[in-house]
N, C-alpha and C. Protein backbone atom coordinates (compact mmCIF):
# COMPACT_ATOMS: atom_id res chain seq x y z
N UNK A 1 0.18 -1.32 0.13
CA UNK A 1 -0.18 0.16 0.31
C UNK A 1 0.88 1.07 0.24
N UNK A 2 0.19 2.16 -1.33
CA UNK A 2 1.74 3.71 -1.20
C UNK A 2 0.74 4.98 -1.26
N UNK A 3 0.66 5.57 -0.32
CA UNK A 3 0.19 6.71 -0.43
C UNK A 3 0.75 7.80 -1.43
N UNK A 4 1.58 8.95 -1.32
CA UNK A 4 2.43 9.72 -2.34
C UNK A 4 3.61 9.45 -2.34
N UNK A 5 3.96 9.91 -3.69
CA UNK A 5 4.95 9.70 -4.31
C UNK A 5 5.34 10.44 -5.39
N UNK A 6 6.12 11.14 -4.56
CA UNK A 6 6.37 13.06 -5.15
C UNK A 6 7.97 12.92 -4.50
N UNK A 7 8.86 14.12 -5.16
CA UNK A 7 10.07 15.15 -4.66
C UNK A 7 9.55 15.60 -3.90
N UNK A 8 8.17 16.74 -3.42
CA UNK A 8 8.00 17.49 -3.27
C UNK A 8 6.56 17.26 -2.31
N UNK A 9 6.56 17.20 -0.72
CA UNK A 9 5.54 16.44 -0.41
C UNK A 9 3.88 17.71 -0.06
N UNK A 10 4.82 19.11 -0.74
CA UNK A 10 4.11 20.43 -1.30
C UNK A 10 2.75 19.92 -2.05
N UNK A 11 2.92 19.37 -2.60
CA UNK A 11 2.50 19.51 -4.40
C UNK A 11 1.46 17.90 -4.46
N UNK A 12 0.92 17.37 -3.53
CA UNK A 12 0.45 16.25 -3.08
C UNK A 12 0.08 15.58 -1.73
N UNK A 13 -1.35 15.14 -2.12
CA UNK A 13 -1.90 14.84 -0.74
C UNK A 13 -1.90 15.16 0.93
N UNK A 14 -2.08 14.56 1.39
CA UNK A 14 -1.66 15.86 2.76
C UNK A 14 -1.57 16.69 3.50
N UNK A 15 -1.99 17.74 3.68
CA UNK A 15 -0.14 19.13 4.55
C UNK A 15 0.45 18.71 5.66
N UNK A 16 0.18 17.51 6.75
CA UNK A 16 -0.28 17.71 7.88
C UNK A 16 1.48 16.65 7.77
N UNK A 17 1.89 17.32 9.02
CA UNK A 17 3.15 16.73 8.88
C UNK A 17 2.90 14.64 9.73
N UNK A 18 1.76 14.67 9.88
CA UNK A 18 1.77 13.06 10.21
C UNK A 18 1.85 12.52 8.84
N UNK A 19 1.43 13.50 7.45
CA UNK A 19 1.35 12.25 6.32
C UNK A 19 2.85 12.10 5.59
N UNK A 20 3.79 12.77 6.46
CA UNK A 20 5.07 12.67 5.41
C UNK A 20 5.62 11.42 6.23
N UNK A 21 5.62 10.96 6.46
CA UNK A 21 6.68 9.10 6.67
C UNK A 21 5.89 8.06 6.14
N UNK A 22 4.13 8.81 5.22
CA UNK A 22 3.88 7.79 3.69
C UNK A 22 3.75 8.51 2.13
N UNK A 23 5.00 9.18 3.21
CA UNK A 23 5.51 9.98 1.18
C UNK A 23 7.00 8.81 0.56
N UNK A 24 7.00 8.05 -0.68
CA UNK A 24 7.83 8.01 -1.23
C UNK A 24 8.98 9.01 -2.00
N UNK A 25 9.76 8.86 -1.71
CA UNK A 25 10.50 10.26 -3.20
C UNK A 25 10.01 9.05 -4.27
N UNK A 26 10.79 9.67 -5.42
CA UNK A 26 10.12 9.04 -7.21
C UNK A 26 11.46 7.50 -7.32
N UNK A 27 12.39 8.63 -6.05
CA UNK A 27 13.82 7.19 -6.84
C UNK A 27 13.19 6.22 -5.75
N UNK A 28 12.71 6.68 -4.26
CA UNK A 28 12.77 5.50 -4.06
C UNK A 28 11.98 4.11 -4.37
N UNK A 29 10.41 4.76 -5.12
CA UNK A 29 9.71 4.38 -5.50
C UNK A 29 10.48 3.93 -6.68
N UNK A 30 10.99 3.83 -7.25
CA UNK A 30 11.37 3.75 -8.32
C UNK A 30 12.84 1.98 -8.23
N UNK A 31 13.26 2.65 -7.23
CA UNK A 31 13.46 1.20 -6.17
C UNK A 31 11.92 0.16 -5.91
N UNK A 32 11.45 0.08 -5.53
CA UNK A 32 10.78 -0.84 -4.46
C UNK A 32 9.74 -0.99 -6.24
N UNK A 33 10.16 -0.28 -7.00
CA UNK A 33 8.66 -0.72 -8.37
C UNK A 33 10.07 -2.13 -9.30
N UNK A 34 10.91 -2.03 -8.94
CA UNK A 34 12.14 -2.50 -9.19
C UNK A 34 12.67 -4.10 -8.52
N UNK A 35 12.11 -3.77 -7.62
CA UNK A 35 12.36 -4.74 -6.75
C UNK A 35 11.56 -5.78 -7.03
N UNK A 36 10.06 -5.76 -7.59
CA UNK A 36 8.78 -6.08 -7.74
C UNK A 36 9.41 -6.70 -8.87
N UNK A 37 9.17 -5.89 -10.13
CA UNK A 37 9.85 -6.98 -11.20
C UNK A 37 10.92 -7.86 -10.70
N UNK A 38 11.59 -7.66 -9.94
CA UNK A 38 13.01 -8.24 -10.34
C UNK A 38 11.75 -9.84 -9.20
N UNK A 39 11.11 -9.59 -8.71
CA UNK A 39 10.47 -11.10 -8.17
C UNK A 39 9.72 -12.37 -9.28
N UNK A 40 9.08 -12.56 -7.95
CA UNK A 40 8.62 -13.74 -9.02
C UNK A 40 7.16 -13.30 -8.65
N UNK A 41 6.33 -12.62 -8.54
CA UNK A 41 4.74 -12.09 -8.68
C UNK A 41 4.91 -10.92 -9.90
N UNK A 42 4.39 -10.55 -10.33
CA UNK A 42 3.78 -9.62 -11.09
C UNK A 42 2.04 -9.02 -10.53
N UNK A 43 1.88 -7.55 -10.42
CA UNK A 43 1.30 -6.52 -10.20
C UNK A 43 -0.33 -7.20 -10.95
N UNK A 44 -1.01 -7.96 -9.82
CA UNK A 44 -2.36 -7.90 -10.72
C UNK A 44 -3.78 -6.77 -10.16
N UNK A 45 -4.57 -7.47 -10.81
CA UNK A 45 -6.17 -6.58 -10.42
C UNK A 45 -6.85 -7.11 -9.58
N UNK A 46 -7.48 -6.96 -8.63
CA UNK A 46 -8.47 -8.04 -7.99
C UNK A 46 -9.51 -8.79 -8.68
N UNK A 47 -10.05 -7.52 -9.56
CA UNK A 47 -11.51 -7.98 -10.58
C UNK A 47 -10.34 -9.68 -11.63
N UNK A 48 -9.11 -9.16 -11.82
CA UNK A 48 -8.29 -10.46 -12.16
C UNK A 48 -8.03 -11.62 -11.57
N UNK A 49 -7.96 -11.63 -10.13
CA UNK A 49 -8.10 -12.94 -9.64
C UNK A 49 -8.64 -14.00 -9.74
N UNK A 50 -8.65 -15.31 -9.60
CA UNK A 50 -9.60 -16.55 -9.88
C UNK A 50 -8.98 -16.99 -7.86
N UNK A 51 -9.93 -16.70 -7.56
CA UNK A 51 -10.25 -17.18 -5.53
C UNK A 51 -10.39 -18.68 -5.56
N UNK A 52 -10.97 -19.33 -7.09
CA UNK A 52 -12.00 -20.53 -6.93
C UNK A 52 -10.17 -21.59 -7.13
N UNK A 53 -9.54 -21.07 -6.21
CA UNK A 53 -8.46 -22.46 -6.50
C UNK A 53 -8.33 -23.00 -4.80
N UNK A 54 -7.17 -23.65 -5.00
CA UNK A 54 -6.27 -23.99 -3.55
C UNK A 54 -6.30 -23.73 -2.43
N UNK A 55 -6.34 -22.48 -3.13
CA UNK A 55 -5.30 -21.54 -2.29
C UNK A 55 -4.35 -21.19 -1.69
N UNK A 56 -3.54 -21.69 -2.91
CA UNK A 56 -1.64 -21.60 -2.11
C UNK A 56 -1.70 -20.76 -3.23
N UNK A 57 -2.21 -20.10 -3.96
CA UNK A 57 -1.89 -19.20 -5.07
C UNK A 57 -1.61 -18.16 -4.26
N UNK A 58 -0.70 -17.24 -4.60
CA UNK A 58 -0.43 -16.27 -4.36
C UNK A 58 -0.15 -14.64 -4.95
N UNK A 59 -0.52 -13.72 -4.28
CA UNK A 59 -0.93 -12.90 -5.72
C UNK A 59 -0.23 -11.45 -5.13
N UNK A 60 0.29 -9.95 -6.05
CA UNK A 60 0.10 -8.72 -5.53
C UNK A 60 -0.20 -8.18 -6.08
N UNK A 61 -1.11 -6.90 -5.15
CA UNK A 61 -2.27 -6.24 -5.28
C UNK A 61 -0.86 -4.62 -5.73
N UNK A 62 -1.85 -4.03 -5.85
CA UNK A 62 -0.61 -2.60 -5.61
C UNK A 62 -1.54 -1.56 -5.75
N UNK A 63 -1.65 -1.43 -4.38
CA UNK A 63 -3.43 0.17 -4.26
C UNK A 63 -1.82 1.42 -3.43
N UNK A 64 -3.13 2.74 -3.77
CA UNK A 64 -2.64 4.14 -3.35
C UNK A 64 -3.31 4.79 -3.00
N UNK A 65 -3.29 5.05 -1.49
CA UNK A 65 -4.57 5.51 -0.98
C UNK A 65 -4.68 7.02 -0.53
N UNK A 66 -5.30 7.36 -0.68
CA UNK A 66 -5.98 9.18 -0.82
C UNK A 66 -6.41 9.59 -1.91
N UNK A 67 -5.68 9.51 -3.57
CA UNK A 67 -6.04 10.16 -4.09
C UNK A 67 -5.03 11.54 -4.89
N UNK A 68 -4.24 12.15 -4.31
CA UNK A 68 -2.78 13.02 -3.90
C UNK A 68 -2.69 12.03 -5.44
N UNK A 69 -2.57 14.28 -5.78
CA UNK A 69 -2.12 14.42 -7.42
C UNK A 69 -1.14 13.67 -7.85
N UNK A 70 0.17 12.95 -6.83
CA UNK A 70 1.43 12.17 -7.02
C UNK A 70 0.54 10.78 -7.60
N UNK A 71 -0.79 10.67 -7.83
CA UNK A 71 -1.13 9.40 -8.17
C UNK A 71 -1.45 9.43 -10.62
N UNK A 72 -1.00 10.83 -10.41
CA UNK A 72 -0.57 10.40 -12.19
C UNK A 72 0.58 10.48 -12.37
N UNK A 73 1.46 10.42 -11.24
CA UNK A 73 3.08 9.63 -11.71
C UNK A 73 3.10 8.69 -12.21
N UNK A 74 2.42 8.52 -10.29
CA UNK A 74 2.20 6.30 -10.73
C UNK A 74 2.12 6.08 -11.20
N UNK A 75 0.88 6.54 -12.08
CA UNK A 75 0.13 5.81 -13.05
C UNK A 75 0.51 5.83 -14.07
N UNK A 76 1.70 7.49 -14.64
CA UNK A 76 2.84 7.10 -15.67
C UNK A 76 3.98 6.27 -16.00
N UNK A 77 4.44 5.67 -13.98
CA UNK A 77 5.46 5.15 -14.18
C UNK A 77 5.10 3.59 -14.15
N UNK A 78 3.44 3.02 -13.89
CA UNK A 78 3.45 1.59 -14.13
C UNK A 78 3.09 1.28 -15.51
N UNK A 79 2.47 2.68 -16.37
CA UNK A 79 2.11 2.21 -17.86
C UNK A 79 3.47 1.90 -17.76
N UNK A 80 4.64 2.95 -17.80
CA UNK A 80 5.70 2.04 -18.85
C UNK A 80 6.08 0.74 -17.76
N UNK A 81 5.92 -0.10 -17.46
CA UNK A 81 6.07 -1.30 -16.82
C UNK A 81 5.04 -2.19 -17.04
N UNK A 82 3.41 -1.96 -17.97
CA UNK A 82 1.90 -2.34 -18.74
C UNK A 82 2.47 -2.74 -16.67
N UNK A 83 1.49 -2.33 -16.34
CA UNK A 83 0.76 -2.71 -14.75
C UNK A 83 -0.22 -1.92 -14.28
N UNK A 84 -1.60 -2.54 -13.69
CA UNK A 84 -2.49 -1.58 -13.41
C UNK A 84 -2.33 -1.62 -11.58
N UNK A 85 -3.06 -1.12 -10.98
CA UNK A 85 -2.67 -0.55 -9.58
C UNK A 85 -3.94 -0.30 -9.04
N UNK A 86 -4.79 -0.02 -7.73
CA UNK A 86 -5.61 0.01 -7.06
C UNK A 86 -5.39 1.22 -6.29
N UNK A 87 -6.64 2.84 -6.98
CA UNK A 87 -6.38 3.68 -6.32
C UNK A 87 -7.76 4.37 -5.49
N UNK A 88 -7.29 4.33 -3.74
CA UNK A 88 -8.75 4.51 -3.63
C UNK A 88 -9.08 6.52 -2.87
N UNK A 89 -9.45 5.62 -3.51
CA UNK A 89 -10.10 7.80 -3.81
C UNK A 89 -10.58 8.76 -2.40
N UNK A 90 -10.28 9.55 -1.42
CA UNK A 90 -10.55 9.81 -0.84
C UNK A 90 -11.49 11.01 -1.41
N UNK A 91 -12.70 10.71 -1.59
CA UNK A 91 -13.89 11.81 -2.49
C UNK A 91 -13.60 12.67 -2.29
N UNK A 92 -14.34 13.54 -1.11
CA UNK A 92 -14.30 15.00 -0.22
C UNK A 92 -13.64 15.79 -1.34
N UNK A 93 -11.76 14.95 -1.12
CA UNK A 93 -10.60 15.79 -1.46
C UNK A 93 -10.39 16.35 -2.63
N UNK A 94 -11.38 15.58 -3.50
CA UNK A 94 -11.28 15.79 -5.33
C UNK A 94 -11.38 17.51 -5.82
N UNK A 95 -10.54 17.55 -6.22
CA UNK A 95 -10.39 18.82 -6.66
C UNK A 95 -9.39 19.96 -5.90
N UNK A 96 -9.11 19.46 -4.92
CA UNK A 96 -8.32 20.56 -3.53
C UNK A 96 -7.02 20.49 -4.82
N UNK A 97 -5.70 21.20 -4.00
CA UNK A 97 -5.35 21.53 -4.73
C UNK A 97 -4.58 20.43 -4.82
N UNK A 98 -3.93 19.68 -4.05
CA UNK A 98 -2.77 18.78 -4.05
C UNK A 98 -3.15 17.41 -4.35
N UNK A 99 -4.85 17.87 -4.42
CA UNK A 99 -5.47 16.35 -4.76
C UNK A 99 -6.30 15.83 -6.17
N UNK A 100 -6.41 14.93 -6.52
CA UNK A 100 -6.63 14.78 -7.83
C UNK A 100 -7.40 15.16 -8.71
N UNK A 101 -8.59 15.68 -9.76
CA UNK A 101 -10.02 16.15 -10.52
C UNK A 101 -10.06 15.52 -10.48
N UNK A 102 -11.75 15.32 -10.62
CA UNK A 102 -12.33 14.71 -11.53
C UNK A 102 -11.79 13.86 -12.57
N UNK A 103 -11.04 14.88 -13.68
CA UNK A 103 -10.47 14.08 -14.79
C UNK A 103 -9.69 13.32 -14.88
N UNK A 104 -8.44 13.64 -13.93
CA UNK A 104 -7.64 12.98 -13.57
C UNK A 104 -8.21 10.90 -12.84
N UNK A 105 -9.01 11.47 -12.38
CA UNK A 105 -10.02 10.15 -11.87
C UNK A 105 -9.97 9.15 -13.42
N UNK A 106 -11.04 9.63 -14.87
CA UNK A 106 -11.22 9.22 -16.05
C UNK A 106 -9.88 8.93 -15.96
N UNK A 107 -9.03 9.24 -16.03
CA UNK A 107 -7.79 9.09 -16.63
C UNK A 107 -7.32 7.73 -16.07
N UNK A 108 -7.28 7.83 -14.75
CA UNK A 108 -6.62 6.45 -14.50
C UNK A 108 -7.73 5.51 -14.89
N UNK A 109 -9.04 5.89 -14.52
CA UNK A 109 -9.91 4.19 -15.04
C UNK A 109 -9.65 3.64 -16.41
N UNK A 110 -9.18 5.07 -17.07
CA UNK A 110 -9.22 4.77 -18.99
C UNK A 110 -8.27 3.81 -19.29
N UNK A 111 -7.20 4.22 -18.08
CA UNK A 111 -5.58 3.16 -18.17
C UNK A 111 -6.08 1.85 -17.87
N UNK A 112 -6.90 1.32 -17.62
CA UNK A 112 -7.68 0.00 -16.64
C UNK A 112 -7.02 0.08 -15.21
N UNK A 113 -7.35 0.73 -14.51
CA UNK A 113 -6.72 0.84 -13.30
C UNK A 113 -7.70 0.91 -12.19
N UNK A 114 -7.74 0.32 -11.41
CA UNK A 114 -9.09 -0.11 -10.00
C UNK A 114 -9.18 1.28 -9.73
N UNK A 115 -10.25 2.00 -9.31
CA UNK A 115 -10.85 3.11 -8.99
C UNK A 115 -11.59 2.48 -7.61
N UNK A 116 -11.31 3.21 -6.03
CA UNK A 116 -12.32 2.63 -5.58
C UNK A 116 -12.02 3.95 -4.24
N UNK A 117 -13.21 3.40 -3.50
CA UNK A 117 -13.59 5.40 -2.45
C UNK A 117 -12.32 4.55 -1.66
N UNK A 118 -11.71 5.86 -0.33
CA UNK A 118 -11.86 5.33 0.53
C UNK A 118 -12.94 6.19 1.60
N UNK A 119 -13.22 6.80 1.59
CA UNK A 119 -13.78 7.74 2.54
C UNK A 119 -14.35 9.24 1.87
N UNK A 120 -15.38 9.73 2.35
CA UNK A 120 -16.07 11.12 2.33
C UNK A 120 -14.42 12.33 2.32
N UNK A 121 -14.04 12.27 3.76
CA UNK A 121 -13.06 13.04 4.36
C UNK A 121 -11.99 11.67 5.29
N UNK A 122 -11.15 12.16 5.52
CA UNK A 122 -10.58 11.89 6.79
C UNK A 122 -10.75 12.68 7.71
N UNK A 123 -10.14 12.16 8.80
CA UNK A 123 -11.03 13.09 10.27
C UNK A 123 -9.05 13.21 10.86
N UNK A 124 -9.20 14.16 11.69
CA UNK A 124 -7.73 14.86 11.79
C UNK A 124 -7.88 13.59 13.19
N UNK A 125 -6.42 13.42 13.76
CA UNK A 125 -6.16 12.01 14.56
C UNK A 125 -6.15 13.53 16.12
N UNK A 126 -6.54 12.76 17.43
CA UNK A 126 -6.51 13.91 18.49
C UNK A 126 -5.21 14.68 19.04
N UNK A 127 -4.38 13.54 17.97
CA UNK A 127 -3.35 13.97 18.92
C UNK A 127 -2.98 15.17 17.69
N UNK A 128 -3.43 15.55 15.97
CA UNK A 128 -2.66 16.70 15.95
C UNK A 128 -3.97 18.14 16.55
N UNK A 129 -4.48 17.41 17.15
CA UNK A 129 -5.69 18.90 17.82
C UNK A 129 -5.63 19.22 18.85
N UNK A 130 -4.36 18.97 20.05
CA UNK A 130 -4.19 19.43 21.08
C UNK A 130 -3.17 20.51 21.14
N UNK A 131 -3.88 21.49 21.58
CA UNK A 131 -3.68 22.66 22.35
C UNK A 131 -2.43 22.46 23.23
N UNK A 132 -1.47 22.95 23.41
CA UNK A 132 -0.47 22.94 24.41
C UNK A 132 -0.72 23.86 25.12
């Protein structure tokens, strides 16, 4: 599961300090993709899985949470490898500066990715709301 893939965290996804640990640089993401490419499993879509087997099959699914603007870069990188992924969008953030636009969602879907909803809004953690 991934969130943001960007060299400039101010351009994608949540802008609170707690989001930074979930952000990968483009170089780190490339290393992850290369490691996956060198492994025995290739990414699949949940809609393509045969779940009626004997239970010994292993599968690899790539998922990207929240719908930050970096999803468009991710989609380009996945296309280079002919891989598809699952993007879970926080629908209440659509169109915000650091999140995907409706047209971006259509582009992802037309490229063959699975689009799902993460939820409408995220709650701010109580720790982030404490006043000292």
